[in-house]
Amino acid sequence: QGPGTVVNLAVSTGPCPVTVPDVTGQTESAATAA
């Protein structure tokens, strides 16, 4: 016990960001797959 003992906490910032691919000019099926 005491301030010499450190407890490390990892705290959530929420869902991880995702990169949305650029599907401009692709067919609907190719864009959906991407």
PDB file of all heavy atoms in Angstrom:
ATOM      1  N   GLN A   1       0.844  -1.194   0.000  1.00  0.00           N
ATOM      2  CA  GLN A   1       0.000   0.000   0.000  1.00  0.00           C
ATOM      3  C   GLN A   1       0.879   1.243   0.000  1.00  0.00           C
ATOM      4  O   GLN A   1       1.934   1.261   0.620  1.00  0.00           O
ATOM      5  CB  GLN A   1      -0.895   0.029   1.233  1.00  0.00           C
ATOM      6  CG  GLN A   1      -1.964  -1.024   1.225  1.00  0.00           C
ATOM      7  CD  GLN A   1      -2.938  -0.827   2.372  1.00  0.00           C
ATOM      8  OE1 GLN A   1      -3.550   0.220   2.481  1.00  0.00           O
ATOM      9  NE2 GLN A   1      -3.063  -1.842   3.207  1.00  0.00           N
ATOM     10  N   GLY A   2       0.419   2.282  -0.670  1.00  0.00           N
ATOM     11  CA  GLY A   2       1.121   3.556  -0.658  1.00  0.00           C
ATOM     12  C   GLY A   2       1.403   4.058  -2.043  1.00  0.00           C
ATOM     13  O   GLY A   2       1.273   3.329  -3.037  1.00  0.00           O
ATOM     14  N   PRO A   3       1.789   5.341  -2.132  1.00  0.00           N
ATOM     15  CA  PRO A   3       1.993   5.977  -3.438  1.00  0.00           C
ATOM     16  C   PRO A   3       3.164   5.407  -4.233  1.00  0.00           C
ATOM     17  O   PRO A   3       3.291   5.661  -5.419  1.00  0.00           O
ATOM     18  CB  PRO A   3       2.219   7.444  -3.087  1.00  0.00           C
ATOM     19  CG  PRO A   3       2.631   7.444  -1.657  1.00  0.00           C
ATOM     20  CD  PRO A   3       1.994   6.250  -1.019  1.00  0.00           C
ATOM     21  N   GLY A   4       4.014   4.603  -3.609  1.00  0.00           N
ATOM     22  CA  GLY A   4       5.125   3.996  -4.333  1.00  0.00           C
ATOM     23  C   GLY A   4       4.686   2.855  -5.236  1.00  0.00           C
ATOM     24  O   GLY A   4       5.429   2.422  -6.106  1.00  0.00           O
ATOM     25  N   THR A   5       3.467   2.368  -5.052  1.00  0.00           N
ATOM     26  CA  THR A   5       2.940   1.298  -5.892  1.00  0.00           C
ATOM     27  C   THR A   5       2.030   1.915  -6.950  1.00  0.00           C
ATOM     28  O   THR A   5       1.074   2.604  -6.624  1.00  0.00           O
ATOM     29  CB  THR A   5       2.152   0.267  -5.057  1.00  0.00           C
ATOM     30  OG1 THR A   5       3.032  -0.310  -4.097  1.00  0.00           O
ATOM     31  CG2 THR A   5       1.575  -0.828  -5.941  1.00  0.00           C
ATOM     32  N   VAL A   6       2.366   1.683  -8.205  1.00  0.00           N
ATOM     33  CA  VAL A   6       1.610   2.258  -9.323  1.00  0.00           C
ATOM     34  C   VAL A   6       0.716   1.191  -9.931  1.00  0.00           C
ATOM     35  O   VAL A   6       1.165   0.080 -10.217  1.00  0.00           O
ATOM     36  CB  VAL A   6       2.558   2.819 -10.404  1.00  0.00           C
ATOM     37  CG1 VAL A   6       1.779   3.363 -11.584  1.00  0.00           C
ATOM     38  CG2 VAL A   6       3.468   3.893  -9.815  1.00  0.00           C
ATOM     39  N   VAL A   7      -0.553   1.552 -10.128  1.00  0.00           N
ATOM     40  CA  VAL A   7      -1.487   0.687 -10.840  1.00  0.00           C
ATOM     41  C   VAL A   7      -1.746   1.350 -12.186  1.00  0.00           C
ATOM     42  O   VAL A   7      -2.201   2.498 -12.256  1.00  0.00           O
ATOM     43  CB  VAL A   7      -2.803   0.504 -10.057  1.00  0.00           C
ATOM     44  CG1 VAL A   7      -3.784  -0.347 -10.863  1.00  0.00           C
ATOM     45  CG2 VAL A   7      -2.531  -0.133  -8.699  1.00  0.00           C
ATOM     46  N   ASN A   8      -1.389   0.655 -13.254  1.00  0.00           N
ATOM     47  CA  ASN A   8      -1.584   1.170 -14.612  1.00  0.00           C
ATOM     48  C   ASN A   8      -2.953   0.748 -15.119  1.00  0.00           C
ATOM     49  O   ASN A   8      -3.299  -0.426 -15.058  1.00  0.00           O
ATOM     50  CB  ASN A   8      -0.497   0.625 -15.546  1.00  0.00           C
ATOM     51  CG  ASN A   8       0.875   1.101 -15.133  1.00  0.00           C
ATOM     52  OD1 ASN A   8       1.171   2.283 -15.186  1.00  0.00           O
ATOM     53  ND2 ASN A   8       1.720   0.170 -14.694  1.00  0.00           N
ATOM     54  N   LEU A   9      -3.716   1.725 -15.607  1.00  0.00           N
ATOM     55  CA  LEU A   9      -5.047   1.457 -16.143  1.00  0.00           C
ATOM     56  C   LEU A   9      -5.098   1.848 -17.609  1.00  0.00           C
ATOM     57  O   LEU A   9      -4.662   2.941 -17.979  1.00  0.00           O
ATOM     58  CB  LEU A   9      -6.109   2.265 -15.389  1.00  0.00           C
ATOM     59  CG  LEU A   9      -6.209   2.072 -13.884  1.00  0.00           C
ATOM     60  CD1 LEU A   9      -7.279   2.995 -13.310  1.00  0.00           C
ATOM     61  CD2 LEU A   9      -6.502   0.623 -13.540  1.00  0.00           C
ATOM     62  N   ALA A  10      -5.633   0.973 -18.453  1.00  0.00           N
ATOM     63  CA  ALA A  10      -5.920   1.299 -19.851  1.00  0.00           C
ATOM     64  C   ALA A  10      -7.419   1.568 -19.918  1.00  0.00           C
ATOM     65  O   ALA A  10      -8.222   0.710 -19.546  1.00  0.00           O
ATOM     66  CB  ALA A  10      -5.533   0.151 -20.772  1.00  0.00           C
ATOM     67  N   VAL A  11      -7.781   2.767 -20.365  1.00  0.00           N
ATOM     68  CA  VAL A  11      -9.177   3.194 -20.390  1.00  0.00           C
ATOM     69  C   VAL A  11      -9.641   3.331 -21.834  1.00  0.00           C
ATOM     70  O   VAL A  11      -8.936   3.888 -22.682  1.00  0.00           O
ATOM     71  CB  VAL A  11      -9.347   4.527 -19.629  1.00  0.00           C
ATOM     72  CG1 VAL A  11     -10.771   5.030 -19.700  1.00  0.00           C
ATOM     73  CG2 VAL A  11      -8.923   4.351 -18.174  1.00  0.00           C
ATOM     74  N   SER A  12     -10.843   2.842 -22.096  1.00  0.00           N
ATOM     75  CA  SER A  12     -11.397   2.852 -23.449  1.00  0.00           C
ATOM     76  C   SER A  12     -11.789   4.257 -23.900  1.00  0.00           C
ATOM     77  O   SER A  12     -12.379   5.024 -23.138  1.00  0.00           O
ATOM     78  CB  SER A  12     -12.626   1.943 -23.503  1.00  0.00           C
ATOM     79  OG  SER A  12     -13.254   2.027 -24.768  1.00  0.00           O
ATOM     80  N   THR A  13     -11.477   4.540 -25.153  1.00  0.00           N
ATOM     81  CA  THR A  13     -11.945   5.776 -25.794  1.00  0.00           C
ATOM     82  C   THR A  13     -13.167   5.484 -26.675  1.00  0.00           C
ATOM     83  O   THR A  13     -13.663   6.373 -27.351  1.00  0.00           O
ATOM     84  CB  THR A  13     -10.843   6.414 -26.659  1.00  0.00           C
ATOM     85  OG1 THR A  13     -10.407   5.464 -27.638  1.00  0.00           O
ATOM     86  CG2 THR A  13      -9.673   6.872 -25.815  1.00  0.00           C
ATOM     87  N   GLY A  14     -13.617   4.216 -26.646  1.00  0.00           N
ATOM     88  CA  GLY A  14     -14.755   3.813 -27.469  1.00  0.00           C
ATOM     89  C   GLY A  14     -14.295   3.004 -28.661  1.00  0.00           C
ATOM     90  O   GLY A  14     -13.139   2.583 -28.740  1.00  0.00           O
ATOM     91  N   PRO A  15     -15.195   2.771 -29.605  1.00  0.00           N
ATOM     92  CA  PRO A  15     -14.856   1.933 -30.767  1.00  0.00           C
ATOM     93  C   PRO A  15     -13.655   2.457 -31.543  1.00  0.00           C
ATOM     94  O   PRO A  15     -13.445   3.666 -31.655  1.00  0.00           O
ATOM     95  CB  PRO A  15     -16.121   1.992 -31.628  1.00  0.00           C
ATOM     96  CG  PRO A  15     -17.213   2.348 -30.673  1.00  0.00           C
ATOM     97  CD  PRO A  15     -16.575   3.230 -29.638  1.00  0.00           C
ATOM     98  N   CYS A  16     -12.891   1.514 -32.065  1.00  0.00           N
ATOM     99  CA  CYS A  16     -11.716   1.855 -32.866  1.00  0.00           C
ATOM    100  C   CYS A  16     -12.161   2.413 -34.215  1.00  0.00           C
ATOM    101  O   CYS A  16     -13.116   1.906 -34.810  1.00  0.00           O
ATOM    102  CB  CYS A  16     -10.843   0.622 -33.072  1.00  0.00           C
ATOM    103  SG  CYS A  16     -10.202  -0.074 -31.526  1.00  0.00           S
ATOM    104  N   PRO A  17     -11.482   3.453 -34.676  1.00  0.00           N
ATOM    105  CA  PRO A  17     -11.858   4.013 -35.981  1.00  0.00           C
ATOM    106  C   PRO A  17     -11.531   3.034 -37.112  1.00  0.00           C
ATOM    107  O   PRO A  17     -10.602   2.244 -37.001  1.00  0.00           O
ATOM    108  CB  PRO A  17     -11.006   5.273 -36.096  1.00  0.00           C
ATOM    109  CG  PRO A  17      -9.899   5.108 -35.122  1.00  0.00           C
ATOM    110  CD  PRO A  17     -10.375   4.153 -34.058  1.00  0.00           C
ATOM    111  N   VAL A  18     -12.326   3.085 -38.148  1.00  0.00           N
ATOM    112  CA  VAL A  18     -12.078   2.261 -39.327  1.00  0.00           C
ATOM    113  C   VAL A  18     -11.895   3.170 -40.531  1.00  0.00           C
ATOM    114  O   VAL A  18     -12.473   4.247 -40.606  1.00  0.00           O
ATOM    115  CB  VAL A  18     -13.241   1.272 -39.606  1.00  0.00           C
ATOM    116  CG1 VAL A  18     -13.241   0.140 -38.612  1.00  0.00           C
ATOM    117  CG2 VAL A  18     -14.563   1.975 -39.604  1.00  0.00           C
ATOM    118  N   THR A  19     -11.101   2.727 -41.460  1.00  0.00           N
ATOM    119  CA  THR A  19     -10.874   3.478 -42.688  1.00  0.00           C
ATOM    120  C   THR A  19     -11.839   2.953 -43.747  1.00  0.00           C
ATOM    121  O   THR A  19     -11.880   1.757 -44.023  1.00  0.00           O
ATOM    122  CB  THR A  19      -9.426   3.310 -43.182  1.00  0.00           C
ATOM    123  OG1 THR A  19      -8.550   3.748 -42.141  1.00  0.00           O
ATOM    124  CG2 THR A  19      -9.178   4.107 -44.443  1.00  0.00           C
ATOM    125  N   VAL A  20     -12.612   3.844 -44.308  1.00  0.00           N
ATOM    126  CA  VAL A  20     -13.561   3.470 -45.353  1.00  0.00           C
ATOM    127  C   VAL A  20     -12.843   3.599 -46.693  1.00  0.00           C
ATOM    128  O   VAL A  20     -12.299   4.660 -47.018  1.00  0.00           O
ATOM    129  CB  VAL A  20     -14.813   4.373 -45.319  1.00  0.00           C
ATOM    130  CG1 VAL A  20     -15.771   4.003 -46.440  1.00  0.00           C
ATOM    131  CG2 VAL A  20     -15.497   4.292 -43.963  1.00  0.00           C
ATOM    132  N   PRO A  21     -12.825   2.519 -47.473  1.00  0.00           N
ATOM    133  CA  PRO A  21     -12.114   2.578 -48.751  1.00  0.00           C
ATOM    134  C   PRO A  21     -12.840   3.472 -49.761  1.00  0.00           C
ATOM    135  O   PRO A  21     -14.055   3.624 -49.717  1.00  0.00           O
ATOM    136  CB  PRO A  21     -12.099   1.115 -49.217  1.00  0.00           C
ATOM    137  CG  PRO A  21     -13.259   0.482 -48.530  1.00  0.00           C
ATOM    138  CD  PRO A  21     -13.422   1.212 -47.230  1.00  0.00           C
ATOM    139  N   ASP A  22     -12.061   4.068 -50.642  1.00  0.00           N
ATOM    140  CA  ASP A  22     -12.634   4.881 -51.725  1.00  0.00           C
ATOM    141  C   ASP A  22     -13.120   3.925 -52.811  1.00  0.00           C
ATOM    142  O   ASP A  22     -12.335   3.212 -53.426  1.00  0.00           O
ATOM    143  CB  ASP A  22     -11.585   5.827 -52.285  1.00  0.00           C
ATOM    144  CG  ASP A  22     -12.122   6.735 -53.386  1.00  0.00           C
ATOM    145  OD1 ASP A  22     -13.343   6.714 -53.650  1.00  0.00           O
ATOM    146  OD2 ASP A  22     -11.317   7.464 -53.981  1.00  0.00           O
ATOM    147  N   VAL A  23     -14.421   3.897 -53.036  1.00  0.00           N
ATOM    148  CA  VAL A  23     -15.003   2.984 -54.016  1.00  0.00           C
ATOM    149  C   VAL A  23     -15.538   3.737 -55.234  1.00  0.00           C
ATOM    150  O   VAL A  23     -16.289   3.178 -56.033  1.00  0.00           O
ATOM    151  CB  VAL A  23     -16.111   2.117 -53.379  1.00  0.00           C
ATOM    152  CG1 VAL A  23     -15.523   1.189 -52.325  1.00  0.00           C
ATOM    153  CG2 VAL A  23     -17.208   2.977 -52.783  1.00  0.00           C
ATOM    154  N   THR A  24     -15.127   4.977 -55.360  1.00  0.00           N
ATOM    155  CA  THR A  24     -15.568   5.794 -56.492  1.00  0.00           C
ATOM    156  C   THR A  24     -15.191   5.104 -57.803  1.00  0.00           C
ATOM    157  O   THR A  24     -14.054   4.676 -57.989  1.00  0.00           O
ATOM    158  CB  THR A  24     -14.909   7.183 -56.441  1.00  0.00           C
ATOM    159  OG1 THR A  24     -15.177   7.778 -55.173  1.00  0.00           O
ATOM    160  CG2 THR A  24     -15.416   8.079 -57.553  1.00  0.00           C
ATOM    161  N   GLY A  25     -16.169   4.983 -58.688  1.00  0.00           N
ATOM    162  CA  GLY A  25     -15.931   4.408 -60.010  1.00  0.00           C
ATOM    163  C   GLY A  25     -15.997   2.892 -60.056  1.00  0.00           C
ATOM    164  O   GLY A  25     -15.842   2.318 -61.124  1.00  0.00           O
ATOM    165  N   GLN A  26     -16.221   2.250 -58.927  1.00  0.00           N
ATOM    166  CA  GLN A  26     -16.315   0.792 -58.919  1.00  0.00           C
ATOM    167  C   GLN A  26     -17.757   0.353 -59.154  1.00  0.00           C
ATOM    168  O   GLN A  26     -18.695   1.102 -58.919  1.00  0.00           O
ATOM    169  CB  GLN A  26     -15.818   0.228 -57.588  1.00  0.00           C
ATOM    170  CG  GLN A  26     -14.339   0.461 -57.333  1.00  0.00           C
ATOM    171  CD  GLN A  26     -13.876  -0.197 -56.034  1.00  0.00           C
ATOM    172  OE1 GLN A  26     -14.588  -1.010 -55.448  1.00  0.00           O
ATOM    173  NE2 GLN A  26     -12.678   0.154 -55.604  1.00  0.00           N
ATOM    174  N   THR A  27     -17.907  -0.876 -59.610  1.00  0.00           N
ATOM    175  CA  THR A  27     -19.254  -1.425 -59.761  1.00  0.00           C
ATOM    176  C   THR A  27     -19.855  -1.617 -58.370  1.00  0.00           C
ATOM    177  O   THR A  27     -19.130  -1.655 -57.366  1.00  0.00           O
ATOM    178  CB  THR A  27     -19.233  -2.784 -60.486  1.00  0.00           C
ATOM    179  OG1 THR A  27     -18.530  -3.725 -59.663  1.00  0.00           O
ATOM    180  CG2 THR A  27     -18.575  -2.679 -61.857  1.00  0.00           C
ATOM    181  N   GLU A  28     -21.174  -1.779 -58.350  1.00  0.00           N
ATOM    182  CA  GLU A  28     -21.835  -1.959 -57.059  1.00  0.00           C
ATOM    183  C   GLU A  28     -21.306  -3.191 -56.329  1.00  0.00           C
ATOM    184  O   GLU A  28     -21.033  -3.145 -55.126  1.00  0.00           O
ATOM    185  CB  GLU A  28     -23.346  -2.081 -57.240  1.00  0.00           C
ATOM    186  CG  GLU A  28     -24.089  -2.236 -55.920  1.00  0.00           C
ATOM    187  CD  GLU A  28     -25.597  -2.367 -56.083  1.00  0.00           C
ATOM    188  OE1 GLU A  28     -26.128  -2.168 -57.197  1.00  0.00           O
ATOM    189  OE2 GLU A  28     -26.247  -2.668 -55.079  1.00  0.00           O
ATOM    190  N   SER A  29     -21.129  -4.279 -57.035  1.00  0.00           N
ATOM    191  CA  SER A  29     -20.664  -5.503 -56.384  1.00  0.00           C
ATOM    192  C   SER A  29     -19.217  -5.364 -55.878  1.00  0.00           C
ATOM    193  O   SER A  29     -18.867  -5.824 -54.788  1.00  0.00           O
ATOM    194  CB  SER A  29     -20.799  -6.711 -57.299  1.00  0.00           C
ATOM    195  OG  SER A  29     -20.025  -6.537 -58.478  1.00  0.00           O
ATOM    196  N   ALA A  30     -18.365  -4.713 -56.667  1.00  0.00           N
ATOM    197  CA  ALA A  30     -16.976  -4.499 -56.239  1.00  0.00           C
ATOM    198  C   ALA A  30     -16.914  -3.559 -55.042  1.00  0.00           C
ATOM    199  O   ALA A  30     -16.158  -3.771 -54.103  1.00  0.00           O
ATOM    200  CB  ALA A  30     -16.145  -3.963 -57.394  1.00  0.00           C
ATOM    201  N   ALA A  31     -17.734  -2.501 -55.085  1.00  0.00           N
ATOM    202  CA  ALA A  31     -17.773  -1.542 -53.974  1.00  0.00           C
ATOM    203  C   ALA A  31     -18.284  -2.202 -52.704  1.00  0.00           C
ATOM    204  O   ALA A  31     -17.732  -2.004 -51.626  1.00  0.00           O
ATOM    205  CB  ALA A  31     -18.640  -0.346 -54.339  1.00  0.00           C
ATOM    206  N   THR A  32     -19.325  -3.014 -52.827  1.00  0.00           N
ATOM    207  CA  THR A  32     -19.880  -3.715 -51.674  1.00  0.00           C
ATOM    208  C   THR A  32     -18.834  -4.644 -51.079  1.00  0.00           C
ATOM    209  O   THR A  32     -18.657  -4.713 -49.859  1.00  0.00           O
ATOM    210  CB  THR A  32     -21.145  -4.510 -52.072  1.00  0.00           C
ATOM    211  OG1 THR A  32     -22.114  -3.600 -52.574  1.00  0.00           O
ATOM    212  CG2 THR A  32     -21.711  -5.276 -50.880  1.00  0.00           C
ATOM    213  N   ALA A  33     -18.132  -5.373 -51.920  1.00  0.00           N
ATOM    214  CA  ALA A  33     -17.079  -6.289 -51.451  1.00  0.00           C
ATOM    215  C   ALA A  33     -15.967  -5.517 -50.748  1.00  0.00           C
ATOM    216  O   ALA A  33     -15.470  -5.947 -49.705  1.00  0.00           O
ATOM    217  CB  ALA A  33     -16.529  -7.097 -52.628  1.00  0.00           C
ATOM    218  N   ALA A  34     -15.579  -4.377 -51.281  1.00  0.00           N
ATOM    219  CA  ALA A  34     -14.512  -3.583 -50.682  1.00  0.00           C
ATOM    220  C   ALA A  34     -14.918  -3.016 -49.333  1.00  0.00           C
ATOM    221  O   ALA A  34     -14.124  -2.996 -48.378  1.00  0.00           O
ATOM    222  CB  ALA A  34     -14.094  -2.458 -51.630  1.00  0.00           C
TER     223      ALA A  34
END
